[in-house]
C-alpha atoms as a PDB file:
ATOM      1  CA  MET A   1     264.597 208.002 159.521  1.00  0.00           C
ATOM      2  CA  LYS A   2     261.670 208.867 157.060  1.00  0.00           C
ATOM      3  CA  GLU A   3     260.375 212.402 157.450  1.00  0.00           C
ATOM      4  CA  ILE A   4     256.895 213.799 157.413  1.00  0.00           C
ATOM      5  CA  SER A   5     256.160 217.412 156.671  1.00  0.00           C
ATOM      6  CA  VAL A   6     253.126 218.464 159.159  1.00  0.00           C
ATOM      7  CA  ILE A   7     251.071 221.490 158.333  1.00  0.00           C
ATOM      8  CA  ASN A   8     248.712 223.165 160.728  1.00  0.00           C
ATOM      9  CA  LEU A   9     246.075 224.613 158.730  1.00  0.00           C
ATOM     10  CA  GLY A  10     243.540 226.204 161.182  1.00  0.00           C
ATOM     11  CA  LEU A  11     239.769 226.478 160.569  1.00  0.00           C
ATOM     12  CA  THR A  12     239.237 225.306 156.994  1.00  0.00           C
ATOM     13  CA  ASP A  13     236.047 224.722 154.873  1.00  0.00           C
ATOM     14  CA  TYR A  14     235.801 221.281 153.792  1.00  0.00           C
ATOM     15  CA  LYS A  15     235.859 221.761 150.206  1.00  0.00           C
ATOM     16  CA  SER A  16     239.259 223.607 149.908  1.00  0.00           C
ATOM     17  CA  ILE A  17     241.144 221.028 152.030  1.00  0.00           C
ATOM     18  CA  TRP A  18     239.839 218.300 150.032  1.00  0.00           C
ATOM     19  CA  ASP A  19     241.084 219.930 146.924  1.00  0.00           C
ATOM     20  CA  LEU A  20     244.316 220.411 148.644  1.00  0.00           C
ATOM     21  CA  GLN A  21     244.717 217.106 149.838  1.00  0.00           C
ATOM     22  CA  ARG A  22     244.084 215.881 146.147  1.00  0.00           C
ATOM     23  CA  LYS A  23     247.080 218.189 145.057  1.00  0.00           C
ATOM     24  CA  ILE A  24     249.216 216.694 147.712  1.00  0.00           C
ATOM     25  CA  PHE A  25     248.012 213.429 146.968  1.00  0.00           C
ATOM     26  CA  ASP A  26     248.998 213.689 143.246  1.00  0.00           C
ATOM     27  CA  LEU A  27     252.321 214.920 143.903  1.00  0.00           C
ATOM     28  CA  ARG A  28     253.172 212.166 146.362  1.00  0.00           C
ATOM     29  CA  VAL A  29     252.326 209.859 143.563  1.00  0.00           C
ATOM     30  CA  GLU A  30     254.380 211.206 141.092  1.00  0.00           C
ATOM     31  CA  GLY A  31     257.487 211.303 143.731  1.00  0.00           C
ATOM     32  CA  LYS A  32     257.626 214.975 143.946  1.00  0.00           C
ATOM     33  CA  ILE A  33     257.026 215.675 147.504  1.00  0.00           C
ATOM     34  CA  PRO A  34     257.593 213.935 150.569  1.00  0.00           C
ATOM     35  CA  ASP A  35     255.172 212.737 153.140  1.00  0.00           C
ATOM     36  CA  ALA A  36     252.795 215.002 154.826  1.00  0.00           C
ATOM     37  CA  LEU A  37     250.189 215.460 157.532  1.00  0.00           C
ATOM     38  CA  LEU A  38     247.737 217.929 157.752  1.00  0.00           C
ATOM     39  CA  LEU A  39     246.172 219.157 160.566  1.00  0.00           C
ATOM     40  CA  ASN A  40     242.725 221.419 161.001  1.00  0.00           C
ATOM     41  CA  GLU A  41     239.405 222.026 162.081  1.00  0.00           C
ATOM     42  CA  HIS A  42     236.665 222.547 159.799  1.00  0.00           C
ATOM     43  CA  ASN A  43     233.515 224.513 159.931  1.00  0.00           C
ATOM     44  CA  HIS A  44     230.360 222.310 160.156  1.00  0.00           C
ATOM     45  CA  VAL A  45     230.667 219.775 157.508  1.00  0.00           C
ATOM     46  CA  TYR A  46     228.513 216.110 157.001  1.00  0.00           C
ATOM     47  CA  THR A  47     230.559 213.836 154.629  1.00  0.00           C
ATOM     48  CA  LEU A  48     229.648 210.425 153.463  1.00  0.00           C
ATOM     49  CA  GLY A  49     232.284 208.027 152.423  1.00  0.00           C
ATOM     50  CA  LYS A  50     231.494 205.235 149.524  1.00  0.00           C
ATOM     51  CA  SER A  51     229.881 202.592 151.892  1.00  0.00           C
ATOM     52  CA  SER A  52     227.319 205.647 153.100  1.00  0.00           C
ATOM     53  CA  ASN A  53     223.456 205.405 153.329  1.00  0.00           C
ATOM     54  CA  ASP A  54     221.747 208.631 152.786  1.00  0.00           C
ATOM     55  CA  ASN A  55     219.057 207.772 155.003  1.00  0.00           C
ATOM     56  CA  HIS A  56     221.757 208.190 157.949  1.00  0.00           C
ATOM     57  CA  LEU A  57     221.960 211.761 157.422  1.00  0.00           C
ATOM     58  CA  LEU A  58     218.731 212.311 159.498  1.00  0.00           C
ATOM     59  CA  ALA A  59     218.340 216.303 159.037  1.00  0.00           C
ATOM     60  CA  ARG A  60     216.567 217.698 156.024  1.00  0.00           C
ATOM     61  CA  GLU A  61     217.914 220.524 154.074  1.00  0.00           C
ATOM     62  CA  GLU A  62     216.109 223.172 155.847  1.00  0.00           C
ATOM     63  CA  GLU A  63     217.745 222.547 159.118  1.00  0.00           C
ATOM     64  CA  LEU A  64     220.947 221.687 157.853  1.00  0.00           C
ATOM     65  CA  SER A  65     220.958 225.282 156.072  1.00  0.00           C
ATOM     66  CA  GLN A  66     219.965 226.994 159.676  1.00  0.00           C
ATOM     67  CA  CYS A  67     222.797 225.132 161.537  1.00  0.00           C
ATOM     68  CA  GLY A  68     225.374 225.984 158.656  1.00  0.00           C
ATOM     69  CA  ALA A  69     226.369 222.604 157.588  1.00  0.00           C
ATOM     70  CA  GLU A  70     227.460 221.730 154.377  1.00  0.00           C
ATOM     71  CA  VAL A  71     227.173 217.666 152.856  1.00  0.00           C
ATOM     72  CA  PHE A  72     229.605 216.265 150.843  1.00  0.00           C
ATOM     73  CA  HIS A  73     229.969 212.623 149.094  1.00  0.00           C
ATOM     74  CA  ILE A  74     233.638 211.652 149.242  1.00  0.00           C
ATOM     75  CA  ASP A  75     235.891 209.208 148.080  1.00  0.00           C
ATOM     76  CA  ARG A  76     236.905 207.794 151.470  1.00  0.00           C
ATOM     77  CA  GLY A  77     235.777 204.476 152.881  1.00  0.00           C
ATOM     78  CA  GLY A  78     233.141 204.411 155.851  1.00  0.00           C
ATOM     79  CA  ASP A  79     229.841 205.862 156.499  1.00  0.00           C
ATOM     80  CA  ILE A  80     228.723 209.157 157.483  1.00  0.00           C
ATOM     81  CA  THR A  81     230.713 211.576 160.056  1.00  0.00           C
ATOM     82  CA  TYR A  82     230.723 215.086 161.087  1.00  0.00           C
ATOM     83  CA  HIS A  83     233.683 217.748 161.222  1.00  0.00           C
ATOM     84  CA  GLY A  84     233.251 220.976 163.071  1.00  0.00           C
ATOM     85  CA  PRO A  85     234.957 223.489 165.141  1.00  0.00           C
ATOM     86  CA  GLY A  86     236.750 222.307 168.274  1.00  0.00           C
ATOM     87  CA  GLN A  87     237.719 218.478 166.413  1.00  0.00           C
ATOM     88  CA  LEU A  88     240.821 217.953 165.429  1.00  0.00           C
ATOM     89  CA  VAL A  89     241.123 216.586 161.817  1.00  0.00           C
ATOM     90  CA  GLY A  90     244.175 214.700 160.454  1.00  0.00           C
ATOM     91  CA  TYR A  91     244.952 213.930 156.876  1.00  0.00           C
ATOM     92  CA  PRO A  92     248.168 211.797 156.888  1.00  0.00           C
ATOM     93  CA  ILE A  93     249.514 211.749 153.093  1.00  0.00           C
ATOM     94  CA  LEU A  94     251.839 208.637 153.516  1.00  0.00           C
ATOM     95  CA  LYS A  95     253.764 206.780 150.745  1.00  0.00           C
ATOM     96  CA  LEU A  96     252.207 203.721 153.118  1.00  0.00           C
ATOM     97  CA  ASP A  97     254.618 200.797 151.317  1.00  0.00           C
ATOM     98  CA  ASP A  98     257.489 202.627 152.510  1.00  0.00           C
ATOM     99  CA  TYR A  99     256.161 201.680 155.944  1.00  0.00           C
ATOM    100  CA  TYR A 100     254.675 198.361 155.216  1.00  0.00           C
ATOM    101  CA  SER A 101     251.889 197.102 152.785  1.00  0.00           C
ATOM    102  CA  ASP A 102     249.325 196.483 155.197  1.00  0.00           C
ATOM    103  CA  VAL A 103     246.136 199.025 155.008  1.00  0.00           C
ATOM    104  CA  HIS A 104     244.703 197.254 158.117  1.00  0.00           C
ATOM    105  CA  ARG A 105     247.986 197.943 159.868  1.00  0.00           C
ATOM    106  CA  TYR A 106     247.732 201.393 158.881  1.00  0.00           C
ATOM    107  CA  LEU A 107     244.321 201.899 160.770  1.00  0.00           C
ATOM    108  CA  ARG A 108     245.288 200.276 163.700  1.00  0.00           C
ATOM    109  CA  ASP A 109     248.340 202.351 163.867  1.00  0.00           C
ATOM    110  CA  ILE A 110     246.177 205.555 163.634  1.00  0.00           C
ATOM    111  CA  GLU A 111     243.813 204.329 166.627  1.00  0.00           C
ATOM    112  CA  GLU A 112     247.415 203.450 168.440  1.00  0.00           C
ATOM    113  CA  VAL A 113     248.591 207.281 167.649  1.00  0.00           C
ATOM    114  CA  ILE A 114     245.097 208.743 169.078  1.00  0.00           C
ATOM    115  CA  ILE A 115     245.088 206.159 172.299  1.00  0.00           C
ATOM    116  CA  ARG A 116     248.311 207.019 173.381  1.00  0.00           C
ATOM    117  CA  THR A 117     247.215 210.779 173.191  1.00  0.00           C
ATOM    118  CA  LEU A 118     244.461 210.334 175.772  1.00  0.00           C
ATOM    119  CA  GLN A 119     246.783 208.078 177.726  1.00  0.00           C
ATOM    120  CA  ASP A 120     248.379 211.636 177.944  1.00  0.00           C
ATOM    121  CA  TYR A 121     245.416 212.932 179.495  1.00  0.00           C
ATOM    122  CA  ASP A 122     244.794 210.256 181.913  1.00  0.00           C
ATOM    123  CA  ILE A 123     241.884 208.750 179.791  1.00  0.00           C
ATOM    124  CA  LYS A 124     241.941 204.813 179.039  1.00  0.00           C
ATOM    125  CA  ALA A 125     240.788 204.683 175.343  1.00  0.00           C
ATOM    126  CA  HIS A 126     240.596 201.487 173.520  1.00  0.00           C
ATOM    127  CA  ARG A 127     239.945 199.734 170.233  1.00  0.00           C
ATOM    128  CA  ASP A 128     236.280 197.739 169.132  1.00  0.00           C
ATOM    129  CA  ARG A 129     237.317 194.652 167.263  1.00  0.00           C
ATOM    130  CA  ASP A 130     234.169 195.479 165.402  1.00  0.00           C
ATOM    131  CA  PHE A 131     234.263 198.784 164.567  1.00  0.00           C
ATOM    132  CA  THR A 132     237.406 201.170 163.135  1.00  0.00           C
ATOM    133  CA  GLY A 133     237.946 203.999 165.442  1.00  0.00           C
ATOM    134  CA  VAL A 134     238.889 204.742 169.059  1.00  0.00           C
ATOM    135  CA  TRP A 135     236.144 204.688 171.817  1.00  0.00           C
ATOM    136  CA  VAL A 136     236.234 205.479 175.590  1.00  0.00           C
ATOM    137  CA  GLY A 137     233.805 203.172 177.534  1.00  0.00           C
ATOM    138  CA  SER A 138     230.844 202.570 174.716  1.00  0.00           C
ATOM    139  CA  ASP A 139     231.416 205.750 173.216  1.00  0.00           C
ATOM    140  CA  LYS A 140     233.298 206.681 169.972  1.00  0.00           C
ATOM    141  CA  ILE A 141     235.732 209.656 170.685  1.00  0.00           C
ATOM    142  CA  ALA A 142     237.614 209.638 167.091  1.00  0.00           C
ATOM    143  CA  ALA A 143     236.273 208.195 163.805  1.00  0.00           C
ATOM    144  CA  ILE A 144     238.689 206.954 160.883  1.00  0.00           C
ATOM    145  CA  GLY A 145     238.550 206.718 157.436  1.00  0.00           C
ATOM    146  CA  VAL A 146     240.990 206.443 154.585  1.00  0.00           C
ATOM    147  CA  LYS A 147     241.490 206.168 150.740  1.00  0.00           C
ATOM    148  CA  VAL A 148     244.503 204.344 149.430  1.00  0.00           C
ATOM    149  CA  SER A 149     245.832 204.331 145.952  1.00  0.00           C
ATOM    150  CA  HIS A 150     248.885 203.516 144.406  1.00  0.00           C
ATOM    151  CA  TRP A 151     249.925 202.905 148.343  1.00  0.00           C
ATOM    152  CA  VAL A 152     249.748 206.531 148.620  1.00  0.00           C
ATOM    153  CA  THR A 153     247.039 207.509 151.661  1.00  0.00           C
ATOM    154  CA  MET A 154     244.352 209.964 151.824  1.00  0.00           C
ATOM    155  CA  HIS A 155     241.804 210.979 154.360  1.00  0.00           C
ATOM    156  CA  GLY A 156     242.177 210.341 157.977  1.00  0.00           C
ATOM    157  CA  PHE A 157     240.837 210.946 161.416  1.00  0.00           C
ATOM    158  CA  ALA A 158     238.368 213.133 163.029  1.00  0.00           C
ATOM    159  CA  PHE A 159     239.276 213.388 167.166  1.00  0.00           C
ATOM    160  CA  ASN A 160     236.384 214.980 169.324  1.00  0.00           C
ATOM    161  CA  VAL A 161     238.392 217.555 171.403  1.00  0.00           C
ATOM    162  CA  ASN A 162     235.870 220.617 172.310  1.00  0.00           C
ATOM    163  CA  THR A 163     233.362 219.110 169.674  1.00  0.00           C
ATOM    164  CA  ASP A 164     229.853 220.621 169.832  1.00  0.00           C
ATOM    165  CA  LEU A 165     228.364 217.154 170.013  1.00  0.00           C
ATOM    166  CA  SER A 166     224.704 218.175 169.349  1.00  0.00           C
ATOM    167  CA  TYR A 167     225.803 217.843 165.495  1.00  0.00           C
ATOM    168  CA  PHE A 168     225.857 214.319 165.606  1.00  0.00           C
ATOM    169  CA  ASP A 169     222.097 214.393 166.647  1.00  0.00           C
ATOM    170  CA  ARG A 170     221.563 214.991 162.999  1.00  0.00           C
ATOM    171  CA  ILE A 171     222.981 211.717 161.861  1.00  0.00           C
ATOM    172  CA  ILE A 172     223.664 207.978 162.750  1.00  0.00           C
ATOM    173  CA  PRO A 173     227.349 208.911 163.446  1.00  0.00           C
ATOM    174  CA  CYS A 174     229.454 206.067 160.984  1.00  0.00           C
ATOM    175  CA  GLY A 175     225.984 204.086 160.659  1.00  0.00           C
ATOM    176  CA  ILE A 176     226.436 202.624 164.126  1.00  0.00           C
ATOM    177  CA  PHE A 177     222.658 202.807 165.804  1.00  0.00           C
ATOM    178  CA  HIS A 178     223.757 201.309 169.514  1.00  0.00           C
ATOM    179  CA  ARG A 179     226.824 203.596 170.382  1.00  0.00           C
ATOM    180  CA  GLY A 180     227.181 207.101 171.227  1.00  0.00           C
ATOM    181  CA  VAL A 181     230.133 209.525 171.075  1.00  0.00           C
ATOM    182  CA  THR A 182     231.807 211.731 173.319  1.00  0.00           C
ATOM    183  CA  SER A 183     234.839 214.183 173.480  1.00  0.00           C
ATOM    184  CA  LEU A 184     237.864 214.514 175.092  1.00  0.00           C
ATOM    185  CA  GLU A 185     235.987 218.131 176.841  1.00  0.00           C
ATOM    186  CA  ARG A 186     233.169 215.686 177.652  1.00  0.00           C
ATOM    187  CA  VAL A 187     235.177 213.336 179.733  1.00  0.00           C
ATOM    188  CA  LEU A 188     237.474 215.585 181.296  1.00  0.00           C
ATOM    189  CA  GLY A 189     234.580 218.019 182.170  1.00  0.00           C
ATOM    190  CA  ALA A 190     236.565 221.064 180.932  1.00  0.00           C
ATOM    191  CA  GLN A 191     237.768 222.216 177.586  1.00  0.00           C
ATOM    192  CA  VAL A 192     241.552 221.908 176.235  1.00  0.00           C
ATOM    193  CA  PRO A 193     243.394 223.840 174.068  1.00  0.00           C
ATOM    194  CA  LEU A 194     243.541 222.272 170.256  1.00  0.00           C
ATOM    195  CA  HIS A 195     246.951 223.135 170.009  1.00  0.00           C
ATOM    196  CA  ASP A 196     247.814 221.007 173.027  1.00  0.00           C
ATOM    197  CA  VAL A 197     246.173 218.162 171.730  1.00  0.00           C
ATOM    198  CA  ALA A 198     247.613 218.845 167.925  1.00  0.00           C
ATOM    199  CA  SER A 199     251.052 218.574 169.541  1.00  0.00           C
ATOM    200  CA  ARG A 200     250.353 215.478 171.506  1.00  0.00           C
ATOM    201  CA  ILE A 201     248.947 213.899 168.135  1.00  0.00           C
ATOM    202  CA  VAL A 202     252.459 214.891 166.314  1.00  0.00           C
ATOM    203  CA  TYR A 203     254.745 213.473 169.055  1.00  0.00           C
ATOM    204  CA  HIS A 204     252.778 209.969 169.183  1.00  0.00           C
ATOM    205  CA  PHE A 205     252.839 209.971 165.389  1.00  0.00           C
ATOM    206  CA  GLY A 206     256.169 210.502 165.040  1.00  0.00           C
ATOM    207  CA  ARG A 207     256.596 207.675 167.595  1.00  0.00           C
ATOM    208  CA  VAL A 208     254.136 205.164 166.020  1.00  0.00           C
ATOM    209  CA  PHE A 209     255.078 205.244 162.843  1.00  0.00           C
ATOM    210  CA  ASP A 210     258.908 205.696 163.405  1.00  0.00           C
ATOM    211  CA  CYS A 211     259.519 208.797 161.586  1.00  0.00           C
ATOM    212  CA  GLN A 212     260.695 212.432 162.037  1.00  0.00           C
ATOM    213  CA  VAL A 213     257.963 214.614 162.148  1.00  0.00           C
ATOM    214  CA  ILE A 214     258.907 218.310 160.964  1.00  0.00           C
ATOM    215  CA  GLU A 215     256.308 221.311 161.439  1.00  0.00           C
ATOM    216  CA  SER A 216     256.283 223.855 158.956  1.00  0.00           C
ATOM    217  CA  GLY A 217     253.966 226.572 157.210  1.00  0.00           C
ATOM    218  CA  ALA A 218     252.411 225.893 153.993  1.00  0.00           C
ATOM    219  CA  THR A 219     254.725 228.328 152.163  1.00  0.00           C
ATOM    220  CA  GLU A 220     257.795 226.817 153.643  1.00  0.00           C
ATOM    221  CA  ILE A 221     256.547 223.599 152.452  1.00  0.00           C
ATOM    222  CA  ALA A 222     256.062 224.514 149.039  1.00  0.00           C
ATOM    223  CA  ASP A 223     259.544 226.155 148.555  1.00  0.00           C
ATOM    224  CA  SER A 224     261.265 222.602 150.321  1.00  0.00           C
ATOM    225  CA  PHE A 225     259.516 220.384 148.043  1.00  0.00           C
ATOM    226  CA  SER A 226     261.442 222.010 144.875  1.00  0.00           C
ATOM    227  CA  LEU A 227     258.104 222.245 142.940  1.00  0.00           C
ATOM    228  CA  SER A 228     258.022 224.327 139.965  1.00  0.00           C
ATOM    229  CA  SER A 229     256.642 227.844 139.715  1.00  0.00           C
ATOM    230  CA  ARG A 230     253.376 226.359 138.362  1.00  0.00           C
ATOM    231  CA  GLU A 231     253.450 223.697 141.186  1.00  0.00           C
ATOM    232  CA  LYS A 232     254.021 226.246 143.857  1.00  0.00           C
ATOM    233  CA  VAL A 233     250.809 228.870 142.969  1.00  0.00           C
ATOM    234  CA  GLU A 234     248.949 225.606 142.562  1.00  0.00           C
ATOM    235  CA  TRP A 235     249.844 224.546 145.744  1.00  0.00           C
ATOM    236  CA  LEU A 236     249.360 227.716 147.351  1.00  0.00           C
ATOM    237  CA  GLN A 237     245.803 228.822 146.140  1.00  0.00           C
END
């Protein structure tokens, strides 16, 4: 059975985790490490994908400074989105053709992981034939944007759990004008521990991708990957 190392990084700055993703991605392309799934929350940040429109960022620089949000143009697909505390962000770094050679199926499988997680909370979620992501009613609860190169994946999903949804007011989320956003907290009317949601995501990820998920700390993973001393230092920086 295929194995995926799950690393829960807690609350992070976006840039540091984007850099870490690229390190892991390069090592995975070279076949030096197994698949990995990074889970974390981010400090307030707006990210714009390769097909984004800068006009979909509605806030000016002064307002962004006041609300403490950074902005990054990044190399995933899709338009603009928001990440922040209370949102579970997952970055699977997988050798996709070890599973199948189909990016569209990969997107549907990530959606399936989140749909099954929401079912655990008695929430009926669904896909939309026009837009990637997961929806509750007409509102998006999880956004998905990925990059695949050499059949290795980067970036991933952002699942609104206890997210401050007011930050979405400063953008046109994913470039979709006529739909709203929601969160698990809003649908249930109460906050949900993020670690509980993360555990359910990990469980369903293993089931959907038919793999064994192994939760580890960053230092343990660096040791288990049999990296050189230099590579371990780079990994843990």
